[in-house]
């Protein structure tokens, strides 16, 4: 868990890389708020298979809101 001044709570993470990403969000002055694993999106493929996807973070910036993935470069 990572303490968050911006969110006023302790934030959960799944890897050390995500912990580093949270630290970046905490120090970025353009980031107003963020939520880890904010929602699971579900859709059906044309062949009928159901797919699910959960983004790592939803970030509220001063001018926009965006989903972000925190993954290694390789």
C-alpha atoms as a PDB file:
ATOM      1  CA  UNK A   1       0.000   0.000   0.000  1.00  0.00           C
ATOM      2  CA  UNK A   2       1.147   3.529  -0.763  1.00  0.00           C
ATOM      3  CA  UNK A   3       0.057   6.552   1.316  1.00  0.00           C
ATOM      4  CA  UNK A   4      -1.421   9.309  -0.853  1.00  0.00           C
ATOM      5  CA  UNK A   5      -1.642  12.955   0.090  1.00  0.00           C
ATOM      6  CA  UNK A   6      -3.615  13.760  -3.060  1.00  0.00           C
ATOM      7  CA  UNK A   7      -6.231  11.104  -2.418  1.00  0.00           C
ATOM      8  CA  UNK A   8      -6.212  11.303   1.385  1.00  0.00           C
ATOM      9  CA  UNK A   9      -6.054   7.525   1.609  1.00  0.00           C
ATOM     10  CA  UNK A  10      -3.781   4.541   1.274  1.00  0.00           C
ATOM     11  CA  UNK A  11      -3.580   3.341  -2.342  1.00  0.00           C
ATOM     12  CA  UNK A  12      -3.179  -0.325  -3.256  1.00  0.00           C
ATOM     13  CA  UNK A  13      -0.793  -1.465  -5.969  1.00  0.00           C
ATOM     14  CA  UNK A  14       0.146  -4.811  -7.497  1.00  0.00           C
ATOM     15  CA  UNK A  15       3.849  -4.361  -8.294  1.00  0.00           C
ATOM     16  CA  UNK A  16       6.873  -2.254  -7.440  1.00  0.00           C
ATOM     17  CA  UNK A  17       6.567  -0.632 -10.859  1.00  0.00           C
ATOM     18  CA  UNK A  18       3.008   0.448 -10.018  1.00  0.00           C
ATOM     19  CA  UNK A  19       4.300   1.813  -6.706  1.00  0.00           C
ATOM     20  CA  UNK A  20       6.798   3.919  -8.656  1.00  0.00           C
ATOM     21  CA  UNK A  21       3.994   5.072 -10.970  1.00  0.00           C
ATOM     22  CA  UNK A  22       1.926   6.175  -7.990  1.00  0.00           C
ATOM     23  CA  UNK A  23       4.906   8.146  -6.672  1.00  0.00           C
ATOM     24  CA  UNK A  24       5.095   9.947 -10.039  1.00  0.00           C
ATOM     25  CA  UNK A  25       1.366  10.752  -9.910  1.00  0.00           C
ATOM     26  CA  UNK A  26       1.773  12.105  -6.373  1.00  0.00           C
ATOM     27  CA  UNK A  27       4.477  14.549  -7.492  1.00  0.00           C
ATOM     28  CA  UNK A  28       3.005  15.609 -10.857  1.00  0.00           C
ATOM     29  CA  UNK A  29       1.461  19.068 -10.312  1.00  0.00           C
ATOM     30  CA  UNK A  30      -0.966  18.546 -13.240  1.00  0.00           C
ATOM     31  CA  UNK A  31      -2.492  15.455 -11.579  1.00  0.00           C
ATOM     32  CA  UNK A  32      -5.476  16.398  -9.413  1.00  0.00           C
ATOM     33  CA  UNK A  33      -6.581  12.864  -8.455  1.00  0.00           C
ATOM     34  CA  UNK A  34      -6.181   9.231  -9.496  1.00  0.00           C
ATOM     35  CA  UNK A  35      -7.792   5.863  -8.873  1.00  0.00           C
ATOM     36  CA  UNK A  36      -6.100   2.479  -9.202  1.00  0.00           C
ATOM     37  CA  UNK A  37      -7.988  -0.262 -11.054  1.00  0.00           C
ATOM     38  CA  UNK A  38     -10.981   2.078 -11.333  1.00  0.00           C
ATOM     39  CA  UNK A  39     -13.351  -0.166 -13.294  1.00  0.00           C
ATOM     40  CA  UNK A  40     -13.572  -3.279 -15.415  1.00  0.00           C
ATOM     41  CA  UNK A  41     -14.765  -2.771 -18.978  1.00  0.00           C
ATOM     42  CA  UNK A  42     -16.644  -5.643 -20.604  1.00  0.00           C
ATOM     43  CA  UNK A  43     -17.536  -6.182 -24.261  1.00  0.00           C
ATOM     44  CA  UNK A  44     -18.513  -8.984 -26.614  1.00  0.00           C
ATOM     45  CA  UNK A  45     -16.360  -9.843 -29.637  1.00  0.00           C
ATOM     46  CA  UNK A  46     -18.030 -10.512 -33.019  1.00  0.00           C
ATOM     47  CA  UNK A  47     -17.448 -14.238 -32.454  1.00  0.00           C
ATOM     48  CA  UNK A  48     -19.405 -14.069 -29.187  1.00  0.00           C
ATOM     49  CA  UNK A  49     -16.478 -14.211 -26.741  1.00  0.00           C
ATOM     50  CA  UNK A  50     -16.780 -11.892 -23.752  1.00  0.00           C
ATOM     51  CA  UNK A  51     -13.682  -9.796 -23.038  1.00  0.00           C
ATOM     52  CA  UNK A  52     -12.775  -7.891 -19.889  1.00  0.00           C
ATOM     53  CA  UNK A  53     -10.150  -5.235 -19.308  1.00  0.00           C
ATOM     54  CA  UNK A  54      -9.217  -3.361 -16.128  1.00  0.00           C
ATOM     55  CA  UNK A  55      -6.904  -0.352 -16.591  1.00  0.00           C
ATOM     56  CA  UNK A  56      -4.174   0.236 -14.010  1.00  0.00           C
ATOM     57  CA  UNK A  57      -5.065   3.853 -13.222  1.00  0.00           C
ATOM     58  CA  UNK A  58      -7.637   6.527 -14.042  1.00  0.00           C
ATOM     59  CA  UNK A  59      -5.930   9.917 -13.789  1.00  0.00           C
ATOM     60  CA  UNK A  60      -7.767  13.229 -13.379  1.00  0.00           C
ATOM     61  CA  UNK A  61      -5.548  15.980 -14.700  1.00  0.00           C
ATOM     62  CA  UNK A  62      -6.390  19.685 -14.604  1.00  0.00           C
ATOM     63  CA  UNK A  63      -7.680  19.655 -18.193  1.00  0.00           C
ATOM     64  CA  UNK A  64      -8.639  16.038 -18.899  1.00  0.00           C
ATOM     65  CA  UNK A  65      -9.194  12.540 -17.550  1.00  0.00           C
ATOM     66  CA  UNK A  66      -7.311   9.534 -18.942  1.00  0.00           C
ATOM     67  CA  UNK A  67      -6.689   5.858 -18.320  1.00  0.00           C
ATOM     68  CA  UNK A  68      -3.066   4.775 -17.947  1.00  0.00           C
ATOM     69  CA  UNK A  69      -1.222   1.506 -17.957  1.00  0.00           C
ATOM     70  CA  UNK A  70       1.911   1.094 -15.859  1.00  0.00           C
ATOM     71  CA  UNK A  71       4.027  -1.513 -17.616  1.00  0.00           C
ATOM     72  CA  UNK A  72       7.757  -2.150 -18.157  1.00  0.00           C
ATOM     73  CA  UNK A  73       9.236  -0.737 -21.372  1.00  0.00           C
ATOM     74  CA  UNK A  74      10.044  -4.219 -22.666  1.00  0.00           C
END
